[in-house]
Amino acid sequence: MTSWKLVRVIAGFFILLSLALGMPESPIFVSKYWLFFTAFVGVNLLQSGFTGWCLMENILRKLGVKSGC
């Protein structure tokens, strides 16, 4: 799996997990403050779409994940 595909998987997982932890209707609710993490991931995805730079992708490349789309 390439770094960019892995970034999408990780971002999707983080968003779903933070929603589950932040929504009071969820059976694994912890605190509504987890929704800030959802926003953080979304803002990072938005800025990477405009700038082409993604910290998670850089980290994955340094860990040896193959670069590419």
N, C-alpha and C. Protein backbone atom coordinates (compact mmCIF):
# COMPACT_ATOMS: atom_id res chain seq x y z
N MET A 1 0.85 -1.17 0.00
CA MET A 1 0.00 0.00 0.00
C MET A 1 0.90 1.24 0.00
N THR A 2 0.55 2.22 -0.82
CA THR A 2 1.37 3.43 -0.90
C THR A 2 1.05 4.37 0.26
N SER A 3 1.95 5.34 0.45
CA SER A 3 1.80 6.25 1.59
C SER A 3 0.50 7.06 1.51
N TRP A 4 0.13 7.52 0.30
CA TRP A 4 -1.08 8.35 0.20
C TRP A 4 -2.35 7.53 0.48
N LYS A 5 -2.38 6.28 0.03
CA LYS A 5 -3.54 5.43 0.32
C LYS A 5 -3.60 5.14 1.82
N LEU A 6 -2.45 4.92 2.43
CA LEU A 6 -2.41 4.66 3.86
C LEU A 6 -2.85 5.89 4.67
N VAL A 7 -2.50 7.08 4.20
CA VAL A 7 -2.95 8.32 4.84
C VAL A 7 -4.47 8.38 4.84
N ARG A 8 -5.09 8.03 3.74
CA ARG A 8 -6.56 8.05 3.64
C ARG A 8 -7.19 7.04 4.61
N VAL A 9 -6.59 5.86 4.71
CA VAL A 9 -7.11 4.84 5.62
C VAL A 9 -6.98 5.31 7.07
N ILE A 10 -5.83 5.83 7.42
CA ILE A 10 -5.59 6.30 8.80
C ILE A 10 -6.52 7.47 9.13
N ALA A 11 -6.66 8.43 8.22
CA ALA A 11 -7.54 9.57 8.47
C ALA A 11 -8.99 9.12 8.64
N GLY A 12 -9.45 8.22 7.80
CA GLY A 12 -10.81 7.70 7.94
C GLY A 12 -11.02 6.99 9.27
N PHE A 13 -10.03 6.19 9.66
CA PHE A 13 -10.12 5.48 10.94
C PHE A 13 -10.17 6.47 12.10
N PHE A 14 -9.28 7.49 12.08
CA PHE A 14 -9.26 8.48 13.15
C PHE A 14 -10.58 9.25 13.23
N ILE A 15 -11.15 9.59 12.09
CA ILE A 15 -12.42 10.33 12.09
C ILE A 15 -13.54 9.48 12.67
N LEU A 16 -13.64 8.23 12.23
CA LEU A 16 -14.71 7.37 12.75
C LEU A 16 -14.53 7.07 14.24
N LEU A 17 -13.30 6.84 14.66
CA LEU A 17 -13.04 6.57 16.07
C LEU A 17 -13.36 7.78 16.93
N SER A 18 -12.91 8.96 16.50
CA SER A 18 -13.16 10.15 17.31
C SER A 18 -14.65 10.51 17.34
N LEU A 19 -15.37 10.23 16.27
CA LEU A 19 -16.82 10.44 16.29
C LEU A 19 -17.48 9.48 17.28
N ALA A 20 -17.04 8.23 17.26
CA ALA A 20 -17.61 7.25 18.19
C ALA A 20 -17.32 7.63 19.64
N LEU A 21 -16.15 8.17 19.89
CA LEU A 21 -15.79 8.55 21.26
C LEU A 21 -16.40 9.88 21.68
N GLY A 22 -16.82 10.70 20.69
CA GLY A 22 -17.33 12.04 21.00
C GLY A 22 -18.82 12.23 20.92
N MET A 23 -19.54 11.27 20.37
CA MET A 23 -20.99 11.41 20.24
C MET A 23 -21.70 10.76 21.43
N PRO A 24 -22.53 11.49 22.15
CA PRO A 24 -23.20 10.93 23.33
C PRO A 24 -24.07 9.70 23.02
N GLU A 25 -24.53 9.56 21.78
CA GLU A 25 -25.37 8.43 21.41
C GLU A 25 -24.57 7.15 21.22
N SER A 26 -23.26 7.27 21.16
CA SER A 26 -22.40 6.12 20.90
C SER A 26 -22.25 5.26 22.15
N PRO A 27 -22.18 3.95 21.98
CA PRO A 27 -21.99 3.06 23.13
C PRO A 27 -20.59 3.18 23.75
N ILE A 28 -19.63 3.76 23.02
CA ILE A 28 -18.29 3.93 23.59
C ILE A 28 -17.97 5.40 23.85
N PHE A 29 -19.00 6.21 24.08
CA PHE A 29 -18.84 7.65 24.34
C PHE A 29 -17.91 7.87 25.53
N VAL A 30 -16.98 8.82 25.36
CA VAL A 30 -16.06 9.20 26.44
C VAL A 30 -16.27 10.66 26.80
N SER A 31 -16.14 11.55 25.81
CA SER A 31 -16.26 12.98 26.04
C SER A 31 -16.55 13.68 24.72
N LYS A 32 -17.32 14.76 24.79
CA LYS A 32 -17.62 15.51 23.58
C LYS A 32 -16.38 16.19 23.01
N TYR A 33 -15.33 16.31 23.81
CA TYR A 33 -14.10 16.95 23.36
C TYR A 33 -13.35 16.14 22.31
N TRP A 34 -13.71 14.87 22.13
CA TRP A 34 -13.13 14.06 21.06
C TRP A 34 -13.50 14.62 19.70
N LEU A 35 -14.57 15.40 19.62
CA LEU A 35 -14.98 15.98 18.34
C LEU A 35 -13.96 17.01 17.85
N PHE A 36 -13.17 17.58 18.76
CA PHE A 36 -12.09 18.48 18.34
C PHE A 36 -11.05 17.71 17.52
N PHE A 37 -10.81 16.45 17.86
CA PHE A 37 -9.88 15.63 17.11
C PHE A 37 -10.41 15.36 15.70
N THR A 38 -11.72 15.16 15.60
CA THR A 38 -12.35 15.00 14.29
C THR A 38 -12.09 16.23 13.43
N ALA A 39 -12.31 17.40 14.02
CA ALA A 39 -12.07 18.66 13.30
C ALA A 39 -10.59 18.81 12.93
N PHE A 40 -9.69 18.42 13.81
CA PHE A 40 -8.26 18.52 13.56
C PHE A 40 -7.87 17.68 12.34
N VAL A 41 -8.37 16.47 12.26
CA VAL A 41 -8.07 15.60 11.12
C VAL A 41 -8.65 16.20 9.84
N GLY A 42 -9.86 16.71 9.92
CA GLY A 42 -10.49 17.32 8.75
C GLY A 42 -9.74 18.54 8.25
N VAL A 43 -9.29 19.38 9.17
CA VAL A 43 -8.52 20.57 8.78
C VAL A 43 -7.20 20.18 8.14
N ASN A 44 -6.55 19.14 8.68
CA ASN A 44 -5.30 18.68 8.08
C ASN A 44 -5.52 18.12 6.68
N LEU A 45 -6.62 17.40 6.46
CA LEU A 45 -6.93 16.91 5.12
C LEU A 45 -7.20 18.07 4.16
N LEU A 46 -7.89 19.08 4.65
CA LEU A 46 -8.20 20.25 3.82
C LEU A 46 -6.92 20.99 3.43
N GLN A 47 -6.04 21.25 4.40
CA GLN A 47 -4.82 21.98 4.06
C GLN A 47 -3.91 21.16 3.16
N SER A 48 -3.88 19.84 3.32
CA SER A 48 -3.03 19.03 2.44
C SER A 48 -3.58 19.02 1.01
N GLY A 49 -4.90 19.17 0.88
CA GLY A 49 -5.48 19.26 -0.45
C GLY A 49 -5.07 20.53 -1.18
N PHE A 50 -4.91 21.63 -0.43
CA PHE A 50 -4.51 22.89 -1.04
C PHE A 50 -3.00 23.01 -1.21
N THR A 51 -2.24 22.51 -0.24
CA THR A 51 -0.79 22.72 -0.26
C THR A 51 -0.02 21.54 -0.84
N GLY A 52 -0.61 20.35 -0.82
CA GLY A 52 0.10 19.17 -1.29
C GLY A 52 1.05 18.58 -0.26
N TRP A 53 1.09 19.14 0.94
CA TRP A 53 1.98 18.67 1.99
C TRP A 53 1.17 18.01 3.10
N CYS A 54 1.61 16.84 3.55
CA CYS A 54 0.91 16.11 4.60
C CYS A 54 1.93 15.52 5.57
N LEU A 55 1.84 15.90 6.83
CA LEU A 55 2.79 15.42 7.83
C LEU A 55 2.72 13.91 7.98
N MET A 56 1.52 13.33 7.98
CA MET A 56 1.37 11.89 8.14
C MET A 56 2.07 11.15 6.99
N GLU A 57 1.95 11.68 5.79
CA GLU A 57 2.61 11.04 4.66
C GLU A 57 4.13 11.10 4.81
N ASN A 58 4.66 12.21 5.28
CA ASN A 58 6.10 12.32 5.53
C ASN A 58 6.56 11.32 6.58
N ILE A 59 5.77 11.16 7.64
CA ILE A 59 6.11 10.20 8.70
C ILE A 59 6.11 8.78 8.14
N LEU A 60 5.10 8.45 7.35
CA LEU A 60 5.02 7.11 6.77
C LEU A 60 6.18 6.83 5.83
N ARG A 61 6.58 7.82 5.05
CA ARG A 61 7.72 7.63 4.14
C ARG A 61 9.01 7.37 4.92
N LYS A 62 9.18 8.09 6.04
CA LYS A 62 10.37 7.89 6.86
C LYS A 62 10.36 6.50 7.52
N LEU A 63 9.16 5.94 7.69
CA LEU A 63 9.05 4.59 8.25
C LEU A 63 9.21 3.52 7.17
N GLY A 64 9.41 3.94 5.93
CA GLY A 64 9.70 2.99 4.86
C GLY A 64 8.54 2.63 3.96
N VAL A 65 7.41 3.30 4.11
CA VAL A 65 6.26 3.03 3.24
C VAL A 65 6.53 3.63 1.87
N LYS A 66 6.18 2.90 0.82
CA LYS A 66 6.43 3.34 -0.55
C LYS A 66 5.61 4.58 -0.86
N SER A 67 6.24 5.56 -1.47
CA SER A 67 5.58 6.81 -1.86
C SER A 67 4.74 6.58 -3.12
N GLY A 68 3.74 7.44 -3.30
CA GLY A 68 2.94 7.37 -4.53
C GLY A 68 1.46 7.48 -4.27
N CYS A 69 0.69 7.57 -5.36
CA CYS A 69 -0.76 7.73 -5.26
C CYS A 69 -1.47 6.40 -5.22
